Protein backbone atom coordinates (compact mmCIF):
# COMPACT_ATOMS: atom_id res chain seq x y z
CA MET A 1 87.34 74.41 35.46
CA ALA A 2 84.02 74.51 33.74
CA GLU A 3 85.28 71.79 31.55
CA LYS A 4 86.31 69.76 34.57
CA LYS A 5 82.91 70.32 36.16
CA THR A 6 81.21 69.27 32.94
CA ASP A 7 83.38 66.18 32.79
CA GLU A 8 82.51 65.35 36.41
CA THR A 9 78.81 65.91 35.77
CA THR A 10 78.98 63.79 32.64
CA LYS A 11 80.84 61.13 34.59
CA ASP A 12 78.27 61.30 37.43
CA VAL A 13 75.41 61.05 34.95
CA ALA A 14 77.15 58.17 33.19
CA ASP A 15 77.74 56.44 36.54
CA ALA A 16 74.10 56.99 37.53
CA VAL A 17 72.89 55.67 34.17
CA HIS A 18 75.28 52.73 34.50
CA GLU A 19 74.06 51.94 38.04
CA THR A 20 70.43 52.34 36.96
CA THR A 21 71.03 50.10 33.98
CA GLN A 22 72.66 47.49 36.22
CA VAL A 23 69.74 47.65 38.69
CA ILE A 24 67.24 47.33 35.81
CA ALA A 25 69.25 44.49 34.26
CA LYS A 26 69.41 42.68 37.64
CA SER A 27 65.65 43.26 38.10
CA VAL A 28 64.90 41.98 34.59
CA MET A 29 67.12 38.94 35.12
CA ALA A 30 65.46 38.22 38.48
CA ALA A 31 62.01 38.54 36.84
CA GLN A 32 63.12 36.23 34.03
CA GLU A 33 64.38 33.69 36.57
CA ARG A 34 61.07 33.86 38.47
CA ASN A 35 59.14 33.50 35.22
CA LEU A 36 61.31 30.57 34.18
CA LYS A 37 60.78 28.86 37.55
CA PHE A 38 57.03 29.54 37.30
CA VAL A 39 56.87 28.04 33.81
CA GLN A 40 58.96 25.06 34.86
CA THR A 41 56.79 24.47 37.94
CA THR A 42 53.59 24.87 35.92
CA PHE A 43 54.86 22.51 33.24
CA THR A 44 56.02 19.96 35.84
CA ASN A 45 52.67 20.14 37.67
CA ALA A 46 50.73 19.82 34.41
CA LEU A 47 52.85 16.84 33.45
CA GLU A 48 52.22 15.19 36.83
CA VAL A 49 48.47 15.82 36.50
CA MET A 50 48.50 14.30 33.03
CA LYS A 51 50.42 11.27 34.28
CA SER A 52 47.93 10.91 37.11
CA GLN A 53 45.01 11.16 34.69
CA VAL A 54 46.57 8.57 32.38
CA GLU A 55 47.08 6.19 35.30
CA ALA A 56 43.53 6.76 36.55
CA SER A 57 42.21 6.12 33.04
CA ARG A 58 44.27 2.96 32.82
CA VAL A 59 42.90 1.72 36.17
CA LEU A 60 39.35 2.63 35.13
CA MET A 61 39.71 0.80 31.82
CA HIS A 62 41.00 -2.27 33.66
CA GLU A 63 38.03 -2.17 36.05
CA LEU A 64 35.62 -1.75 33.15
CA GLU A 65 37.17 -4.73 31.38
CA GLN A 66 36.76 -6.82 34.54
CA GLN A 67 33.12 -5.74 34.87
CA GLN A 68 32.49 -6.55 31.22
CA GLU A 69 34.01 -10.01 31.68
CA ALA A 70 31.86 -10.56 34.78
CA LEU A 71 28.75 -9.47 32.89
CA GLN A 72 29.59 -11.78 30.01
CA LYS A 73 29.85 -14.64 32.50
CA LEU A 74 26.47 -13.66 33.98
CA VAL A 75 24.62 -13.37 30.66
CA PRO A 76 24.30 -17.13 30.00
CA GLY A 77 23.09 -17.65 33.57
CA MET A 78 20.60 -14.83 33.17
CA GLN A 79 19.37 -16.33 29.92
CA THR A 80 18.92 -19.68 31.65
CA SER A 81 17.07 -17.99 34.51
CA MET A 82 14.88 -16.12 32.05
CA SER A 83 14.15 -19.38 30.21
CA MET A 84 13.22 -21.03 33.50
CA LEU A 85 10.92 -18.11 34.30
CA ARG A 86 9.41 -18.05 30.83
CA ALA A 87 8.46 -21.75 30.86
CA PRO A 88 5.94 -21.53 33.75
CA LEU A 89 4.74 -18.15 32.57
CA SER A 90 4.16 -19.55 29.09
CA THR A 91 2.27 -22.50 30.55
CA TYR A 92 0.25 -20.15 32.75
CA GLN A 93 -0.52 -17.96 29.76
CA LYS A 94 -1.69 -20.97 27.74
CA ALA A 95 -3.85 -22.08 30.66
CA LEU A 96 -5.35 -18.60 30.93
CA GLU A 97 -6.08 -18.60 27.20
CA ALA A 98 -7.77 -22.01 27.51
CA VAL A 99 -9.83 -20.80 30.49
CA GLU A 100 -10.76 -17.66 28.59
CA LYS A 101 -11.84 -19.69 25.56
CA SER A 102 -13.80 -22.13 27.74
CA THR A 103 -15.46 -19.27 29.62
CA GLN A 104 -16.35 -17.59 26.35
CA GLN A 105 -17.89 -20.81 25.04
CA GLY A 106 -19.78 -21.32 28.32
CA LEU A 107 -21.05 -17.74 28.15
CA GLU A 108 -22.21 -18.24 24.57
CA THR A 109 -23.94 -21.52 25.53
CA PHE A 110 -25.59 -19.83 28.53
CA GLU A 111 -26.77 -16.90 26.39
CA LYS A 112 -28.24 -19.35 23.84
CA ALA A 113 -29.97 -21.33 26.58
CA LEU A 114 -31.32 -18.08 28.07
CA LYS A 115 -32.70 -17.02 24.69
CA ASP A 116 -34.26 -20.45 24.20
CA PHE A 117 -35.80 -20.27 27.68
CA GLU A 118 -37.19 -16.79 26.98
CA LYS A 119 -38.73 -18.05 23.75
CA ALA A 120 -40.18 -21.05 25.51
CA THR A 121 -41.73 -18.94 28.25
CA GLN A 122 -43.20 -16.49 25.79
CA GLN A 123 -44.91 -19.14 23.61
CA PRO A 124 -47.77 -21.03 25.19
CA THR A 125 -47.22 -24.73 25.44
CA ARG A 126 -49.44 -27.13 23.48
CA SER A 127 -51.32 -28.16 26.56
CA GLU A 128 -52.10 -24.55 27.38
CA HIS A 129 -53.07 -23.93 23.79
CA THR A 130 -55.49 -26.89 23.72
CA ARG A 131 -56.97 -25.88 27.08
CA ARG A 132 -57.70 -22.40 25.78
CA GLU A 133 -59.38 -23.82 22.70
CA SER A 134 -61.59 -26.17 24.69
CA GLN A 135 -62.87 -23.40 26.93
């Protein structure tokens, strides 16, 4: 009887271990399935984001190429405009330089005339000199 009880207890323990093992195995398998789905979803989402980024980069590159082409078309026109602006400015600059040179020469002439006038006013004239001598 003791042997029968021991066999029953051993069988009960074995059944309990077997049930526990099955529950653990089912739990592990369910966790693995969740992990697998998580990894698959993460990978799929990452792949979609990468595809989206590649497409956005492609569109951006196309827009940049169009802008570059537009700028290249504008450059000759801008150079022409700059040339048209430079011509009157260059003429104006030359005129200013000529006026500056003329003004400088006029100033020098005026200063010389002023010095000559000062000398003339400081020296008695001949008529004044002869008048002083006769007195």
